[in-house]
C-alpha atoms as a PDB file:
ATOM      1  CA  MET A   1      32.362 118.336  90.735  1.00  0.00           C
ATOM      2  CA  GLY A   2      30.365 117.571  87.574  1.00  0.00           C
ATOM      3  CA  GLN A   3      30.597 114.534  85.412  1.00  0.00           C
ATOM      4  CA  VAL A   4      32.390 114.444  82.094  1.00  0.00           C
ATOM      5  CA  ALA A   5      30.948 112.362  79.269  1.00  0.00           C
ATOM      6  CA  VAL A   6      33.230 111.386  76.414  1.00  0.00           C
ATOM      7  CA  PHE A   7      31.445 110.593  73.172  1.00  0.00           C
ATOM      8  CA  SER A   8      33.303 108.762  70.463  1.00  0.00           C
ATOM      9  CA  GLY A   9      32.201 107.887  66.992  1.00  0.00           C
ATOM     10  CA  ALA A  10      29.727 109.615  64.726  1.00  0.00           C
ATOM     11  CA  GLU A  11      26.914 109.982  67.321  1.00  0.00           C
ATOM     12  CA  ARG A  12      27.608 112.803  69.779  1.00  0.00           C
ATOM     13  CA  ARG A  13      24.130 113.542  71.111  1.00  0.00           C
ATOM     14  CA  ARG A  14      22.308 111.784  73.883  1.00  0.00           C
ATOM     15  CA  ARG A  15      18.884 110.401  73.065  1.00  0.00           C
ATOM     16  CA  TRP A  16      16.048 110.766  75.556  1.00  0.00           C
ATOM     17  CA  SER A  17      12.844 108.787  75.252  1.00  0.00           C
ATOM     18  CA  ASP A  18       9.536 110.629  75.672  1.00  0.00           C
ATOM     19  CA  ASP A  19       9.030 108.849  79.001  1.00  0.00           C
ATOM     20  CA  GLN A  20      12.419 110.051  80.255  1.00  0.00           C
ATOM     21  CA  LYS A  21      11.733 113.594  79.064  1.00  0.00           C
ATOM     22  CA  LEU A  22       8.323 113.646  80.736  1.00  0.00           C
ATOM     23  CA  ALA A  23       9.778 112.350  84.009  1.00  0.00           C
ATOM     24  CA  ILE A  24      12.490 115.045  84.032  1.00  0.00           C
ATOM     25  CA  VAL A  25      10.053 117.826  83.081  1.00  0.00           C
ATOM     26  CA  SER A  26       7.577 116.693  85.751  1.00  0.00           C
ATOM     27  CA  GLU A  27      10.354 116.727  88.336  1.00  0.00           C
ATOM     28  CA  ALA A  28      11.645 120.145  87.244  1.00  0.00           C
ATOM     29  CA  PHE A  29       8.260 121.876  87.203  1.00  0.00           C
ATOM     30  CA  SER A  30       6.695 120.254  90.250  1.00  0.00           C
ATOM     31  CA  PRO A  31       5.714 122.633  93.095  1.00  0.00           C
ATOM     32  CA  GLY A  32       8.745 123.732  95.096  1.00  0.00           C
ATOM     33  CA  ALA A  33      11.263 122.405  92.576  1.00  0.00           C
ATOM     34  CA  CYS A  34      14.079 124.491  91.129  1.00  0.00           C
ATOM     35  CA  VAL A  35      14.508 124.018  87.377  1.00  0.00           C
ATOM     36  CA  ALA A  36      18.226 124.854  87.499  1.00  0.00           C
ATOM     37  CA  GLU A  37      18.898 122.294  90.256  1.00  0.00           C
ATOM     38  CA  VAL A  38      17.029 119.532  88.419  1.00  0.00           C
ATOM     39  CA  ALA A  39      18.876 120.425  85.204  1.00  0.00           C
ATOM     40  CA  ARG A  40      22.252 120.177  86.953  1.00  0.00           C
ATOM     41  CA  ARG A  41      21.318 116.910  88.640  1.00  0.00           C
ATOM     42  CA  ARG A  42      20.131 115.367  85.358  1.00  0.00           C
ATOM     43  CA  ASP A  43      22.962 116.956  83.327  1.00  0.00           C
ATOM     44  CA  VAL A  44      20.564 118.756  80.984  1.00  0.00           C
ATOM     45  CA  SER A  45      20.454 122.432  80.044  1.00  0.00           C
ATOM     46  CA  THR A  46      17.598 124.500  81.431  1.00  0.00           C
ATOM     47  CA  SER A  47      16.642 125.669  77.931  1.00  0.00           C
ATOM     48  CA  LEU A  48      16.184 122.047  76.884  1.00  0.00           C
ATOM     49  CA  LEU A  49      13.823 121.510  79.832  1.00  0.00           C
ATOM     50  CA  TYR A  50      11.732 124.489  78.733  1.00  0.00           C
ATOM     51  CA  ASP A  51      11.688 123.155  75.139  1.00  0.00           C
ATOM     52  CA  TRP A  52      10.532 119.751  76.351  1.00  0.00           C
ATOM     53  CA  ARG A  53       7.833 121.340  78.484  1.00  0.00           C
ATOM     54  CA  ARG A  54       6.588 123.332  75.498  1.00  0.00           C
ATOM     55  CA  LYS A  55       6.516 120.124  73.433  1.00  0.00           C
ATOM     56  CA  PHE A  56       4.383 118.363  76.042  1.00  0.00           C
ATOM     57  CA  LEU A  57       1.986 121.319  76.287  1.00  0.00           C
ATOM     58  CA  VAL A  58       1.156 121.258  72.569  1.00  0.00           C
ATOM     59  CA  PRO A  59      -1.987 119.200  71.896  1.00  0.00           C
ATOM     60  CA  ALA A  60      -1.445 116.026  69.899  1.00  0.00           C
ATOM     61  CA  ASP A  61      -2.535 115.828  66.246  1.00  0.00           C
ATOM     62  CA  ASP A  62      -5.458 113.617  67.251  1.00  0.00           C
ATOM     63  CA  GLY A  63      -6.947 116.512  69.251  1.00  0.00           C
ATOM     64  CA  SER A  64      -6.338 114.922  72.649  1.00  0.00           C
ATOM     65  CA  GLU A  65      -5.627 117.037  75.719  1.00  0.00           C
ATOM     66  CA  PRO A  66      -2.019 118.046  76.475  1.00  0.00           C
ATOM     67  CA  LEU A  67      -0.229 116.122  79.210  1.00  0.00           C
ATOM     68  CA  MET A  68       0.217 119.233  81.339  1.00  0.00           C
ATOM     69  CA  GLY A  69      -1.484 122.586  81.532  1.00  0.00           C
ATOM     70  CA  PHE A  70      -1.376 126.019  83.075  1.00  0.00           C
ATOM     71  CA  ALA A  71      -3.866 127.920  85.174  1.00  0.00           C
ATOM     72  CA  GLU A  72      -5.032 131.253  83.845  1.00  0.00           C
ATOM     73  CA  ALA A  73      -3.693 134.274  85.740  1.00  0.00           C
ATOM     74  CA  VAL A  74      -5.644 137.521  85.766  1.00  0.00           C
ATOM     75  CA  VAL A  75      -4.099 140.819  86.831  1.00  0.00           C
ATOM     76  CA  VAL A  76      -6.636 143.269  88.219  1.00  0.00           C
ATOM     77  CA  ASP A  77      -5.914 146.951  88.601  1.00  0.00           C
ATOM     78  CA  GLU A  78      -7.365 147.547  92.080  1.00  0.00           C
ATOM     79  CA  GLN A  79      -7.919 151.266  91.575  1.00  0.00           C
ATOM     80  CA  ALA A  80      -9.640 150.780  88.201  1.00  0.00           C
ATOM     81  CA  ALA A  81     -11.794 147.966  89.611  1.00  0.00           C
ATOM     82  CA  GLY A  82     -12.969 150.227  92.442  1.00  0.00           C
ATOM     83  CA  LEU A  83     -11.587 147.991  95.199  1.00  0.00           C
ATOM     84  CA  ALA A  84     -10.933 149.839  98.414  1.00  0.00           C
ATOM     85  CA  THR A  85      -7.406 149.587  99.728  1.00  0.00           C
ATOM     86  CA  PRO A  86      -7.251 149.017 103.491  1.00  0.00           C
ATOM     87  CA  ALA A  87      -6.048 151.869 105.647  1.00  0.00           C
ATOM     88  CA  PRO A  88      -2.623 151.284 107.206  1.00  0.00           C
ATOM     89  CA  ALA A  89      -2.527 150.411 110.901  1.00  0.00           C
ATOM     90  CA  ALA A  90       0.831 152.135 111.436  1.00  0.00           C
ATOM     91  CA  ILE A  91       3.181 154.311 109.400  1.00  0.00           C
ATOM     92  CA  ILE A  92       6.790 154.659 110.561  1.00  0.00           C
ATOM     93  CA  ASP A  93       8.835 157.465 108.998  1.00  0.00           C
ATOM     94  CA  LEU A  94      12.556 156.748 108.802  1.00  0.00           C
ATOM     95  CA  PRO A  95      15.550 158.944 108.003  1.00  0.00           C
ATOM     96  CA  ARG A  96      16.285 159.855 104.376  1.00  0.00           C
ATOM     97  CA  GLY A  97      12.603 159.900 103.420  1.00  0.00           C
ATOM     98  CA  ARG A  98      12.010 156.183 103.888  1.00  0.00           C
ATOM     99  CA  ARG A  99       8.733 154.895 105.293  1.00  0.00           C
ATOM    100  CA  VAL A 100       7.489 151.561 106.653  1.00  0.00           C
ATOM    101  CA  THR A 101       3.747 150.966 106.410  1.00  0.00           C
ATOM    102  CA  LEU A 102       2.090 148.206 108.438  1.00  0.00           C
ATOM    103  CA  PHE A 103      -1.419 146.997 107.693  1.00  0.00           C
ATOM    104  CA  ALA A 104      -3.837 145.317 110.101  1.00  0.00           C
ATOM    105  CA  SER A 105      -3.727 142.165 107.953  1.00  0.00           C
ATOM    106  CA  ALA A 106      -0.015 141.672 108.788  1.00  0.00           C
ATOM    107  CA  THR A 107       0.710 138.709 111.026  1.00  0.00           C
ATOM    108  CA  PRO A 108       2.130 139.362 114.508  1.00  0.00           C
ATOM    109  CA  ALA A 109       5.307 137.511 113.523  1.00  0.00           C
ATOM    110  CA  LEU A 110       5.810 139.799 110.515  1.00  0.00           C
ATOM    111  CA  VAL A 111       5.205 142.940 112.578  1.00  0.00           C
ATOM    112  CA  SER A 112       7.662 141.849 115.278  1.00  0.00           C
ATOM    113  CA  ALA A 113      10.278 140.967 112.633  1.00  0.00           C
ATOM    114  CA  VAL A 114       9.917 144.399 111.022  1.00  0.00           C
ATOM    115  CA  LEU A 115      10.169 146.165 114.381  1.00  0.00           C
ATOM    116  CA  ARG A 116      13.230 144.108 115.382  1.00  0.00           C
ATOM    117  CA  GLY A 117      14.826 145.016 112.054  1.00  0.00           C
ATOM    118  CA  LEU A 118      14.316 148.724 112.749  1.00  0.00           C
ATOM    119  CA  ARG A 119      16.272 148.655 116.037  1.00  0.00           C
END
């Protein structure tokens, strides 16, 4: 069950220092982490975590580097780039027009799992 915070008086909002925000954002966006789980654990909304992350990604006024960054992702259209697609090693036709295609690059564990699933 979640916690309930009762705020009395004029101030109703929690205040987070930049160090606290950075620690929470680093935890939420670390490899393998789930943003929603970290948000629940820290009692913060997920949208606030994304806002904080955006704040930390903006370069400072003094021109210094942002605290965090992103790697550039490039989507390549394989057919337009002229890359040859590998020929399938096996094609299994199933009822109702369904088809399973296995490529030679598939691991033995994946192939055996697919074949077990077809039984």
